Amino acid sequence: MFDGIRKYYELLIPALTELLWQELEKRLVIERYPKGSLICREGDICKGVYFIQEGLARLYYTVEGREICTGFAKEGEYLSEYDSFLTQSPAAQSMDVLEDTIAINLPFEQMQTLYEHAPVYEQAGRKIAENLFVLISRYNTRLLTLSPEDRYQYIIENQYHLIQRVPQYMLASLIGISPEHLSRIRKKMTR
């Protein structure tokens, strides 16, 4: 069950020993979420950082009853309402699953204990946080500098799995446009 996450950490920590892996493994919690369920609700404290073993999850804000999607995580990727998790304060975003999902969670308390017992994981945590920062920065840059057509083209070229697995209205939200506008862009691109 832990093969995917172990490979992930072996890339982060090239000198990962069996003993170091065991320090992490004993703190991991396997959680199963049926399609449509919430991992974390806006206003609750995010209880972990979730490595998606199987399935697909989404991160989104709710503004005036409208869902504004900010990202997805598929197999082999991490998802968290990271601000809430790190500060142990109420989450501004919700996380739900779009497919039956198996997530491997590292709860906050377990992460803190892991940092104390195996400081090499502080470096891994920093690398994960840095990767998350880069993803958010690049997403914001695309949202602010690219046209909707170019943002959709980016998804086609770099995240094609989303087109196959995510409803069009969620893709439109991620791009920052209405579903109708996305429909027009798709029609224009297929001509």
N, C-alpha and C. Protein backbone atom coordinates (compact mmCIF):
# COMPACT_ATOMS: atom_id res chain seq x y z
N MET A 1 0.82 -1.21 0.00
CA MET A 1 0.00 0.00 0.00
C MET A 1 0.86 1.27 0.00
N PHE A 2 2.06 1.20 0.57
CA PHE A 2 2.88 2.40 0.69
C PHE A 2 3.93 2.55 -0.41
N ASP A 3 3.85 1.73 -1.46
CA ASP A 3 4.88 1.78 -2.51
C ASP A 3 4.97 3.16 -3.16
N GLY A 4 3.81 3.75 -3.52
CA GLY A 4 3.80 5.05 -4.20
C GLY A 4 4.42 6.15 -3.36
N ILE A 5 4.02 6.22 -2.09
CA ILE A 5 4.54 7.28 -1.22
C ILE A 5 6.02 7.03 -0.90
N ARG A 6 6.39 5.77 -0.80
CA ARG A 6 7.80 5.48 -0.53
C ARG A 6 8.67 5.95 -1.70
N LYS A 7 8.25 5.68 -2.93
CA LYS A 7 9.00 6.15 -4.10
C LYS A 7 9.09 7.68 -4.11
N TYR A 8 7.99 8.32 -3.73
CA TYR A 8 7.97 9.78 -3.65
C TYR A 8 9.06 10.27 -2.69
N TYR A 9 9.13 9.66 -1.49
CA TYR A 9 10.11 10.09 -0.50
C TYR A 9 11.53 9.67 -0.88
N GLU A 10 11.69 8.58 -1.61
CA GLU A 10 13.02 8.19 -2.07
C GLU A 10 13.57 9.22 -3.05
N LEU A 11 12.68 9.86 -3.83
CA LEU A 11 13.13 10.93 -4.72
C LEU A 11 13.48 12.19 -3.92
N LEU A 12 12.71 12.46 -2.87
CA LEU A 12 12.99 13.64 -2.03
C LEU A 12 14.25 13.46 -1.19
N ILE A 13 14.44 12.23 -0.70
CA ILE A 13 15.56 11.93 0.20
C ILE A 13 16.34 10.77 -0.42
N PRO A 14 17.29 11.07 -1.30
CA PRO A 14 18.02 9.99 -1.98
C PRO A 14 18.70 9.00 -1.03
N ALA A 15 19.09 9.44 0.15
CA ALA A 15 19.77 8.56 1.11
C ALA A 15 18.78 7.96 2.11
N LEU A 16 17.52 7.77 1.71
CA LEU A 16 16.50 7.22 2.61
C LEU A 16 16.85 5.79 2.98
N THR A 17 17.07 5.58 4.27
CA THR A 17 17.39 4.23 4.75
C THR A 17 16.10 3.54 5.17
N GLU A 18 16.20 2.24 5.39
CA GLU A 18 15.04 1.47 5.84
C GLU A 18 14.56 1.98 7.21
N LEU A 19 15.49 2.31 8.07
CA LEU A 19 15.14 2.83 9.40
C LEU A 19 14.40 4.16 9.29
N LEU A 20 14.89 5.04 8.43
CA LEU A 20 14.21 6.33 8.23
C LEU A 20 12.81 6.12 7.65
N TRP A 21 12.69 5.21 6.69
CA TRP A 21 11.37 4.93 6.12
C TRP A 21 10.41 4.42 7.19
N GLN A 22 10.89 3.54 8.06
CA GLN A 22 10.04 2.99 9.11
C GLN A 22 9.55 4.08 10.07
N GLU A 23 10.39 5.10 10.32
CA GLU A 23 9.97 6.23 11.17
C GLU A 23 8.76 6.94 10.56
N LEU A 24 8.76 7.07 9.23
CA LEU A 24 7.63 7.71 8.56
C LEU A 24 6.44 6.76 8.48
N GLU A 25 6.69 5.54 8.03
CA GLU A 25 5.60 4.59 7.78
C GLU A 25 4.72 4.38 9.01
N LYS A 26 5.31 4.32 10.20
CA LYS A 26 4.50 4.05 11.39
C LYS A 26 3.60 5.23 11.77
N ARG A 27 3.81 6.38 11.14
CA ARG A 27 2.99 7.56 11.43
C ARG A 27 1.92 7.83 10.37
N LEU A 28 1.97 7.08 9.28
CA LEU A 28 1.03 7.29 8.18
C LEU A 28 -0.31 6.61 8.46
N VAL A 29 -1.38 7.25 8.01
CA VAL A 29 -2.73 6.72 8.21
C VAL A 29 -3.39 6.59 6.83
N ILE A 30 -3.88 5.41 6.52
CA ILE A 30 -4.59 5.18 5.26
C ILE A 30 -6.05 5.58 5.47
N GLU A 31 -6.54 6.45 4.59
CA GLU A 31 -7.92 6.91 4.68
C GLU A 31 -8.60 6.68 3.33
N ARG A 32 -9.82 6.18 3.37
CA ARG A 32 -10.60 5.91 2.16
C ARG A 32 -11.79 6.87 2.12
N TYR A 33 -11.96 7.49 0.96
CA TYR A 33 -13.05 8.45 0.77
C TYR A 33 -13.88 8.05 -0.45
N PRO A 34 -15.19 7.84 -0.26
CA PRO A 34 -16.03 7.57 -1.43
C PRO A 34 -16.22 8.85 -2.24
N LYS A 35 -16.44 8.66 -3.54
CA LYS A 35 -16.68 9.79 -4.44
C LYS A 35 -17.70 10.74 -3.83
N GLY A 36 -17.38 12.05 -3.88
CA GLY A 36 -18.28 13.08 -3.38
C GLY A 36 -18.08 13.45 -1.92
N SER A 37 -17.24 12.73 -1.21
CA SER A 37 -17.07 13.05 0.21
C SER A 37 -16.00 14.13 0.42
N LEU A 38 -16.07 14.77 1.58
CA LEU A 38 -15.13 15.83 1.92
C LEU A 38 -13.96 15.28 2.73
N ILE A 39 -12.79 15.76 2.41
CA ILE A 39 -11.61 15.48 3.22
C ILE A 39 -11.51 16.55 4.31
N CYS A 40 -11.79 17.79 3.91
CA CYS A 40 -11.76 18.92 4.83
C CYS A 40 -12.80 19.93 4.37
N ARG A 41 -13.55 20.46 5.31
CA ARG A 41 -14.58 21.46 5.00
C ARG A 41 -14.07 22.84 5.40
N GLU A 42 -14.36 23.82 4.58
CA GLU A 42 -14.05 25.22 4.90
C GLU A 42 -14.54 25.50 6.32
N GLY A 43 -13.67 26.12 7.12
CA GLY A 43 -14.02 26.44 8.50
C GLY A 43 -13.52 25.42 9.51
N ASP A 44 -13.23 24.20 9.05
CA ASP A 44 -12.64 23.17 9.92
C ASP A 44 -11.13 23.28 9.85
N ILE A 45 -10.45 22.66 10.78
CA ILE A 45 -8.99 22.62 10.74
C ILE A 45 -8.57 21.43 9.90
N CYS A 46 -7.71 21.67 8.93
CA CYS A 46 -7.21 20.59 8.07
C CYS A 46 -6.34 19.66 8.92
N LYS A 47 -6.66 18.40 8.90
CA LYS A 47 -6.02 17.44 9.81
C LYS A 47 -4.78 16.77 9.25
N GLY A 48 -4.42 17.04 8.00
CA GLY A 48 -3.25 16.36 7.48
C GLY A 48 -2.79 16.86 6.13
N VAL A 49 -1.71 16.26 5.68
CA VAL A 49 -1.26 16.38 4.30
C VAL A 49 -1.50 15.02 3.69
N TYR A 50 -2.19 15.00 2.57
CA TYR A 50 -2.71 13.77 2.00
C TYR A 50 -1.99 13.42 0.71
N PHE A 51 -1.34 12.27 0.70
CA PHE A 51 -0.74 11.74 -0.52
C PHE A 51 -1.82 10.91 -1.19
N ILE A 52 -2.18 11.26 -2.41
CA ILE A 52 -3.24 10.55 -3.11
C ILE A 52 -2.66 9.25 -3.69
N GLN A 53 -3.05 8.15 -3.11
CA GLN A 53 -2.60 6.83 -3.57
C GLN A 53 -3.41 6.40 -4.78
N GLU A 54 -4.73 6.58 -4.70
CA GLU A 54 -5.64 6.27 -5.80
C GLU A 54 -6.73 7.32 -5.80
N GLY A 55 -7.16 7.74 -6.98
CA GLY A 55 -8.29 8.65 -7.06
C GLY A 55 -7.91 10.06 -7.46
N LEU A 56 -8.86 10.96 -7.22
CA LEU A 56 -8.70 12.35 -7.62
C LEU A 56 -9.41 13.23 -6.61
N ALA A 57 -8.74 14.28 -6.17
CA ALA A 57 -9.32 15.20 -5.18
C ALA A 57 -9.19 16.63 -5.68
N ARG A 58 -9.98 17.51 -5.07
CA ARG A 58 -10.04 18.90 -5.51
C ARG A 58 -9.97 19.82 -4.30
N LEU A 59 -9.39 20.99 -4.51
CA LEU A 59 -9.30 22.06 -3.51
C LEU A 59 -10.06 23.25 -4.06
N TYR A 60 -10.97 23.84 -3.24
CA TYR A 60 -11.79 24.95 -3.75
C TYR A 60 -12.28 25.86 -2.64
N TYR A 61 -12.52 27.12 -3.02
CA TYR A 61 -13.17 28.11 -2.17
C TYR A 61 -14.67 28.12 -2.49
N THR A 62 -15.46 28.55 -1.53
CA THR A 62 -16.88 28.82 -1.80
C THR A 62 -17.10 30.30 -1.55
N VAL A 63 -17.51 31.02 -2.60
CA VAL A 63 -17.73 32.46 -2.53
C VAL A 63 -19.14 32.74 -3.00
N GLU A 64 -19.95 33.29 -2.12
CA GLU A 64 -21.35 33.60 -2.43
C GLU A 64 -22.06 32.41 -3.07
N GLY A 65 -21.83 31.22 -2.49
CA GLY A 65 -22.49 30.01 -2.96
C GLY A 65 -21.87 29.38 -4.20
N ARG A 66 -20.84 30.01 -4.76
CA ARG A 66 -20.17 29.51 -5.96
C ARG A 66 -18.85 28.86 -5.57
N GLU A 67 -18.56 27.70 -6.17
CA GLU A 67 -17.29 27.03 -5.92
C GLU A 67 -16.24 27.55 -6.90
N ILE A 68 -15.10 27.94 -6.35
CA ILE A 68 -13.98 28.42 -7.16
C ILE A 68 -12.82 27.45 -6.95
N CYS A 69 -12.57 26.67 -7.97
CA CYS A 69 -11.57 25.62 -7.90
C CYS A 69 -10.16 26.20 -8.00
N THR A 70 -9.27 25.73 -7.12
CA THR A 70 -7.88 26.20 -7.15
C THR A 70 -6.89 25.10 -7.47
N GLY A 71 -7.34 23.86 -7.49
CA GLY A 71 -6.41 22.80 -7.85
C GLY A 71 -6.98 21.41 -7.68
N PHE A 72 -6.27 20.46 -8.26
CA PHE A 72 -6.62 19.05 -8.19
C PHE A 72 -5.37 18.27 -7.82
N ALA A 73 -5.57 17.11 -7.23
CA ALA A 73 -4.45 16.20 -6.96
C ALA A 73 -4.87 14.80 -7.37
N LYS A 74 -4.01 14.17 -8.14
CA LYS A 74 -4.25 12.80 -8.61
C LYS A 74 -3.24 11.87 -7.95
N GLU A 75 -3.27 10.62 -8.39
CA GLU A 75 -2.35 9.62 -7.86
C GLU A 75 -0.91 10.14 -7.89
N GLY A 76 -0.21 9.95 -6.78
CA GLY A 76 1.19 10.33 -6.71
C GLY A 76 1.43 11.79 -6.36
N GLU A 77 0.35 12.51 -6.00
CA GLU A 77 0.49 13.93 -5.65
C GLU A 77 -0.06 14.18 -4.25
N TYR A 78 0.40 15.27 -3.66
CA TYR A 78 -0.06 15.68 -2.34
C TYR A 78 -1.16 16.72 -2.45
N LEU A 79 -2.04 16.72 -1.44
CA LEU A 79 -3.10 17.72 -1.33
C LEU A 79 -3.26 18.08 0.14
N SER A 80 -3.42 19.37 0.39
CA SER A 80 -3.70 19.84 1.74
C SER A 80 -4.21 21.26 1.66
N GLU A 81 -4.99 21.64 2.65
CA GLU A 81 -5.30 23.06 2.85
C GLU A 81 -4.17 23.50 3.75
N TYR A 82 -3.04 23.76 3.13
CA TYR A 82 -1.75 23.84 3.82
C TYR A 82 -1.70 24.95 4.87
N ASP A 83 -2.31 26.08 4.58
CA ASP A 83 -2.33 27.17 5.56
C ASP A 83 -3.00 26.70 6.85
N SER A 84 -4.15 26.09 6.72
CA SER A 84 -4.88 25.58 7.88
C SER A 84 -4.07 24.51 8.60
N PHE A 85 -3.48 23.61 7.83
CA PHE A 85 -2.70 22.52 8.42
C PHE A 85 -1.52 23.06 9.22
N LEU A 86 -0.75 23.97 8.64
CA LEU A 86 0.45 24.47 9.31
C LEU A 86 0.13 25.33 10.53
N THR A 87 -0.92 26.14 10.42
CA THR A 87 -1.25 27.06 11.52
C THR A 87 -2.28 26.48 12.48
N GLN A 88 -2.85 25.32 12.11
CA GLN A 88 -3.91 24.68 12.88
C GLN A 88 -5.06 25.67 13.15
N SER A 89 -5.40 26.41 12.09
CA SER A 89 -6.50 27.37 12.14
C SER A 89 -7.57 26.97 11.12
N PRO A 90 -8.77 27.55 11.18
CA PRO A 90 -9.84 27.15 10.25
C PRO A 90 -9.44 27.30 8.79
N ALA A 91 -9.82 26.33 8.01
CA ALA A 91 -9.50 26.30 6.58
C ALA A 91 -10.34 27.31 5.81
N ALA A 92 -9.72 27.99 4.85
CA ALA A 92 -10.43 28.90 3.96
C ALA A 92 -11.01 28.14 2.76
N GLN A 93 -10.47 26.96 2.49
CA GLN A 93 -10.91 26.16 1.35
C GLN A 93 -11.40 24.80 1.82
N SER A 94 -12.15 24.15 0.95
CA SER A 94 -12.59 22.78 1.19
C SER A 94 -11.83 21.85 0.26
N MET A 95 -11.77 20.59 0.64
CA MET A 95 -11.19 19.55 -0.20
C MET A 95 -12.21 18.42 -0.30
N ASP A 96 -12.52 18.02 -1.53
CA ASP A 96 -13.41 16.88 -1.71
C ASP A 96 -12.80 15.92 -2.72
N VAL A 97 -13.43 14.74 -2.86
CA VAL A 97 -12.91 13.76 -3.80
C VAL A 97 -13.90 13.60 -4.96
N LEU A 98 -13.35 13.51 -6.15
CA LEU A 98 -14.15 13.40 -7.37
C LEU A 98 -14.29 11.96 -7.83
N GLU A 99 -13.49 11.09 -7.26
CA GLU A 99 -13.54 9.65 -7.52
C GLU A 99 -13.30 8.96 -6.18
N ASP A 100 -13.68 7.70 -6.07
CA ASP A 100 -13.30 6.96 -4.87
C ASP A 100 -11.79 7.12 -4.70
N THR A 101 -11.37 7.48 -3.50
CA THR A 101 -9.99 7.88 -3.29
C THR A 101 -9.40 7.19 -2.06
N ILE A 102 -8.17 6.75 -2.21
CA ILE A 102 -7.38 6.29 -1.07
C ILE A 102 -6.27 7.31 -0.87
N ALA A 103 -6.25 7.89 0.32
CA ALA A 103 -5.25 8.90 0.64
C ALA A 103 -4.42 8.41 1.82
N ILE A 104 -3.15 8.73 1.78
CA ILE A 104 -2.27 8.41 2.90
C ILE A 104 -1.98 9.71 3.62
N ASN A 105 -2.44 9.78 4.84
CA ASN A 105 -2.39 11.01 5.62
C ASN A 105 -1.24 10.98 6.61
N LEU A 106 -0.56 12.11 6.74
CA LEU A 106 0.40 12.31 7.81
C LEU A 106 -0.20 13.40 8.70
N PRO A 107 -0.86 13.02 9.80
CA PRO A 107 -1.49 14.01 10.68
C PRO A 107 -0.48 14.99 11.27
N PHE A 108 -0.96 16.17 11.62
CA PHE A 108 -0.11 17.25 12.13
C PHE A 108 0.77 16.80 13.30
N GLU A 109 0.16 16.18 14.30
CA GLU A 109 0.93 15.76 15.49
C GLU A 109 2.00 14.75 15.12
N GLN A 110 1.65 13.83 14.21
CA GLN A 110 2.62 12.82 13.78
C GLN A 110 3.77 13.47 13.00
N MET A 111 3.45 14.49 12.22
CA MET A 111 4.50 15.19 11.48
C MET A 111 5.47 15.87 12.44
N GLN A 112 4.93 16.51 13.46
CA GLN A 112 5.79 17.18 14.44
C GLN A 112 6.70 16.18 15.15
N THR A 113 6.14 15.02 15.51
CA THR A 113 6.93 13.97 16.15
C THR A 113 8.00 13.45 15.20
N LEU A 114 7.63 13.26 13.95
CA LEU A 114 8.58 12.80 12.95
C LEU A 114 9.73 13.78 12.81
N TYR A 115 9.44 15.07 12.78
CA TYR A 115 10.48 16.09 12.67
C TYR A 115 11.46 15.99 13.85
N GLU A 116 10.94 15.69 15.04
CA GLU A 116 11.80 15.57 16.23
C GLU A 116 12.67 14.33 16.17
N HIS A 117 12.10 13.21 15.71
CA HIS A 117 12.82 11.93 15.72
C HIS A 117 13.70 11.71 14.50
N ALA A 118 13.35 12.33 13.40
CA ALA A 118 14.13 12.14 12.17
C ALA A 118 14.19 13.48 11.43
N PRO A 119 15.12 14.36 11.83
CA PRO A 119 15.19 15.70 11.25
C PRO A 119 15.30 15.74 9.72
N VAL A 120 15.74 14.65 9.08
CA VAL A 120 15.82 14.64 7.63
C VAL A 120 14.44 14.89 7.02
N TYR A 121 13.38 14.56 7.77
CA TYR A 121 12.03 14.80 7.26
C TYR A 121 11.65 16.27 7.30
N GLU A 122 12.34 17.06 8.11
CA GLU A 122 12.12 18.51 8.03
C GLU A 122 12.55 19.02 6.66
N GLN A 123 13.66 18.49 6.16
CA GLN A 123 14.12 18.85 4.81
C GLN A 123 13.10 18.41 3.76
N ALA A 124 12.56 17.21 3.91
CA ALA A 124 11.55 16.72 2.97
C ALA A 124 10.30 17.60 3.05
N GLY A 125 9.88 17.95 4.25
CA GLY A 125 8.73 18.83 4.42
C GLY A 125 8.97 20.19 3.76
N ARG A 126 10.17 20.69 3.91
CA ARG A 126 10.52 21.97 3.26
C ARG A 126 10.45 21.84 1.74
N LYS A 127 10.95 20.74 1.21
CA LYS A 127 10.90 20.53 -0.25
C LYS A 127 9.46 20.43 -0.74
N ILE A 128 8.61 19.75 0.01
CA ILE A 128 7.20 19.64 -0.36
C ILE A 128 6.55 21.02 -0.33
N ALA A 129 6.85 21.80 0.72
CA ALA A 129 6.29 23.16 0.83
C ALA A 129 6.80 24.04 -0.30
N GLU A 130 8.07 23.90 -0.66
CA GLU A 130 8.63 24.69 -1.76
C GLU A 130 7.95 24.31 -3.08
N ASN A 131 7.75 23.01 -3.31
CA ASN A 131 7.06 22.57 -4.52
C ASN A 131 5.65 23.12 -4.57
N LEU A 132 4.97 23.11 -3.44
CA LEU A 132 3.61 23.65 -3.37
C LEU A 132 3.62 25.15 -3.67
N PHE A 133 4.58 25.87 -3.12
CA PHE A 133 4.69 27.30 -3.38
C PHE A 133 4.90 27.56 -4.88
N VAL A 134 5.76 26.77 -5.52
CA VAL A 134 6.02 26.95 -6.95
C VAL A 134 4.74 26.68 -7.75
N LEU A 135 4.01 25.62 -7.40
CA LEU A 135 2.76 25.32 -8.10
C LEU A 135 1.76 26.46 -7.98
N ILE A 136 1.60 26.98 -6.77
CA ILE A 136 0.66 28.09 -6.54
C ILE A 136 1.12 29.34 -7.29
N SER A 137 2.40 29.63 -7.24
CA SER A 137 2.93 30.81 -7.92
C SER A 137 2.71 30.70 -9.43
N ARG A 138 2.99 29.54 -9.99
CA ARG A 138 2.80 29.36 -11.44
C ARG A 138 1.33 29.43 -11.82
N TYR A 139 0.47 28.87 -10.98
CA TYR A 139 -0.98 28.94 -11.24
C TYR A 139 -1.43 30.40 -11.25
N ASN A 140 -1.00 31.16 -10.25
CA ASN A 140 -1.37 32.58 -10.17
C ASN A 140 -0.83 33.36 -11.37
N THR A 141 0.39 33.07 -11.77
CA THR A 141 0.97 33.74 -12.93
C THR A 141 0.16 33.44 -14.19
N ARG A 142 -0.19 32.17 -14.40
CA ARG A 142 -1.01 31.83 -15.57
C ARG A 142 -2.36 32.53 -15.52
N LEU A 143 -2.97 32.55 -14.34
CA LEU A 143 -4.28 33.17 -14.19
C LEU A 143 -4.23 34.67 -14.49
N LEU A 144 -3.13 35.31 -14.13
CA LEU A 144 -3.02 36.77 -14.30
C LEU A 144 -2.44 37.20 -15.64
N THR A 145 -1.68 36.32 -16.29
CA THR A 145 -0.98 36.77 -17.50
C THR A 145 -1.43 36.10 -18.79
N LEU A 146 -2.05 34.94 -18.70
CA LEU A 146 -2.46 34.23 -19.91
C LEU A 146 -3.93 34.45 -20.21
N SER A 147 -4.26 34.39 -21.47
CA SER A 147 -5.67 34.46 -21.87
C SER A 147 -6.36 33.15 -21.45
N PRO A 148 -7.68 33.15 -21.36
CA PRO A 148 -8.38 31.90 -21.05
C PRO A 148 -8.05 30.77 -22.03
N GLU A 149 -7.89 31.13 -23.31
CA GLU A 149 -7.53 30.13 -24.31
C GLU A 149 -6.18 29.51 -24.00
N ASP A 150 -5.22 30.35 -23.62
CA ASP A 150 -3.88 29.85 -23.30
C ASP A 150 -3.88 29.03 -22.00
N ARG A 151 -4.72 29.42 -21.04
CA ARG A 151 -4.83 28.64 -19.80
C ARG A 151 -5.40 27.25 -20.10
N TYR A 152 -6.39 27.19 -20.97
CA TYR A 152 -6.96 25.90 -21.37
C TYR A 152 -5.92 25.08 -22.15
N GLN A 153 -5.20 25.72 -23.02
CA GLN A 153 -4.13 25.04 -23.77
C GLN A 153 -3.08 24.47 -22.82
N TYR A 154 -2.76 25.21 -21.76
CA TYR A 154 -1.82 24.71 -20.76
C TYR A 154 -2.32 23.41 -20.14
N ILE A 155 -3.61 23.36 -19.82
CA ILE A 155 -4.18 22.13 -19.25
C ILE A 155 -4.08 20.99 -20.26
N ILE A 156 -4.39 21.26 -21.50
CA ILE A 156 -4.29 20.23 -22.54
C ILE A 156 -2.87 19.67 -22.60
N GLU A 157 -1.89 20.55 -22.55
CA GLU A 157 -0.50 20.14 -22.72
C GLU A 157 0.13 19.55 -21.46
N ASN A 158 -0.33 19.98 -20.27
CA ASN A 158 0.36 19.60 -19.04
C ASN A 158 -0.48 18.82 -18.04
N GLN A 159 -1.79 18.88 -18.18
CA GLN A 159 -2.67 18.19 -17.23
C GLN A 159 -3.84 17.56 -17.96
N TYR A 160 -3.55 16.87 -19.05
CA TYR A 160 -4.61 16.34 -19.89
C TYR A 160 -5.56 15.41 -19.13
N HIS A 161 -5.04 14.74 -18.11
CA HIS A 161 -5.89 13.84 -17.32
C HIS A 161 -7.09 14.59 -16.74
N LEU A 162 -6.96 15.89 -16.48
CA LEU A 162 -8.09 16.66 -15.94
C LEU A 162 -9.24 16.72 -16.95
N ILE A 163 -8.92 16.86 -18.21
CA ILE A 163 -9.95 16.94 -19.24
C ILE A 163 -10.76 15.65 -19.27
N GLN A 164 -10.10 14.55 -19.01
CA GLN A 164 -10.76 13.25 -19.03
C GLN A 164 -11.51 12.93 -17.73
N ARG A 165 -11.10 13.53 -16.62
CA ARG A 165 -11.61 13.09 -15.32
C ARG A 165 -12.42 14.13 -14.56
N VAL A 166 -12.43 15.38 -15.02
CA VAL A 166 -13.06 16.47 -14.27
C VAL A 166 -14.21 17.06 -15.07
N PRO A 167 -15.35 17.33 -14.43
CA PRO A 167 -16.46 17.98 -15.15
C PRO A 167 -16.04 19.34 -15.72
N GLN A 168 -16.62 19.69 -16.84
CA GLN A 168 -16.26 20.92 -17.54
C GLN A 168 -16.44 22.16 -16.66
N TYR A 169 -17.47 22.21 -15.84
CA TYR A 169 -17.68 23.40 -15.01
C TYR A 169 -16.55 23.58 -13.99
N MET A 170 -15.94 22.48 -13.54
CA MET A 170 -14.81 22.59 -12.61
C MET A 170 -13.56 23.06 -13.35
N LEU A 171 -13.35 22.57 -14.57
CA LEU A 171 -12.23 23.07 -15.37
C LEU A 171 -12.38 24.55 -15.64
N ALA A 172 -13.60 24.96 -15.97
CA ALA A 172 -13.85 26.39 -16.23
C ALA A 172 -13.50 27.21 -14.99
N SER A 173 -13.89 26.72 -13.82
CA SER A 173 -13.60 27.42 -12.58
C SER A 173 -12.09 27.53 -12.35
N LEU A 174 -11.37 26.44 -12.60
CA LEU A 174 -9.92 26.44 -12.45
C LEU A 174 -9.27 27.47 -13.38
N ILE A 175 -9.81 27.58 -14.59
CA ILE A 175 -9.28 28.52 -15.58
C ILE A 175 -9.70 29.95 -15.26
N GLY A 176 -10.80 30.09 -14.51
CA GLY A 176 -11.27 31.43 -14.13
C GLY A 176 -12.30 31.99 -15.08
N ILE A 177 -13.07 31.10 -15.73
CA ILE A 177 -14.09 31.54 -16.69
C ILE A 177 -15.39 30.76 -16.44
N SER A 178 -16.44 31.15 -17.15
CA SER A 178 -17.71 30.44 -17.03
C SER A 178 -17.67 29.15 -17.86
N PRO A 179 -18.51 28.17 -17.53
CA PRO A 179 -18.58 26.96 -18.35
C PRO A 179 -18.95 27.26 -19.81
N GLU A 180 -19.80 28.26 -20.02
CA GLU A 180 -20.18 28.63 -21.38
C GLU A 180 -18.99 29.16 -22.17
N HIS A 181 -18.17 29.97 -21.51
CA HIS A 181 -16.96 30.49 -22.17
C HIS A 181 -16.02 29.35 -22.52
N LEU A 182 -15.86 28.39 -21.61
CA LEU A 182 -15.01 27.24 -21.89
C LEU A 182 -15.56 26.44 -23.05
N SER A 183 -16.85 26.29 -23.13
CA SER A 183 -17.48 25.58 -24.24
C SER A 183 -17.15 26.26 -25.57
N ARG A 184 -17.21 27.58 -25.59
CA ARG A 184 -16.86 28.33 -26.82
C ARG A 184 -15.39 28.14 -27.18
N ILE A 185 -14.51 28.15 -26.19
CA ILE A 185 -13.08 27.95 -26.43
C ILE A 185 -12.85 26.56 -27.01
N ARG A 186 -13.49 25.56 -26.45
CA ARG A 186 -13.32 24.18 -26.93
C ARG A 186 -13.80 24.05 -28.36
N LYS A 187 -14.93 24.64 -28.67
CA LYS A 187 -15.46 24.57 -30.05
C LYS A 187 -14.50 25.25 -31.03
N LYS A 188 -13.99 26.41 -30.62
CA LYS A 188 -13.06 27.15 -31.46
C LYS A 188 -11.77 26.35 -31.71
N MET A 189 -11.31 25.64 -30.70
CA MET A 189 -10.06 24.88 -30.81
C MET A 189 -10.22 23.61 -31.64
N THR A 190 -11.43 23.10 -31.77
CA THR A 190 -11.63 21.87 -32.53
C THR A 190 -11.91 22.14 -34.01
N ARG A 191 -12.01 23.40 -34.38
CA ARG A 191 -12.26 23.74 -35.80
C ARG A 191 -11.03 23.56 -36.62
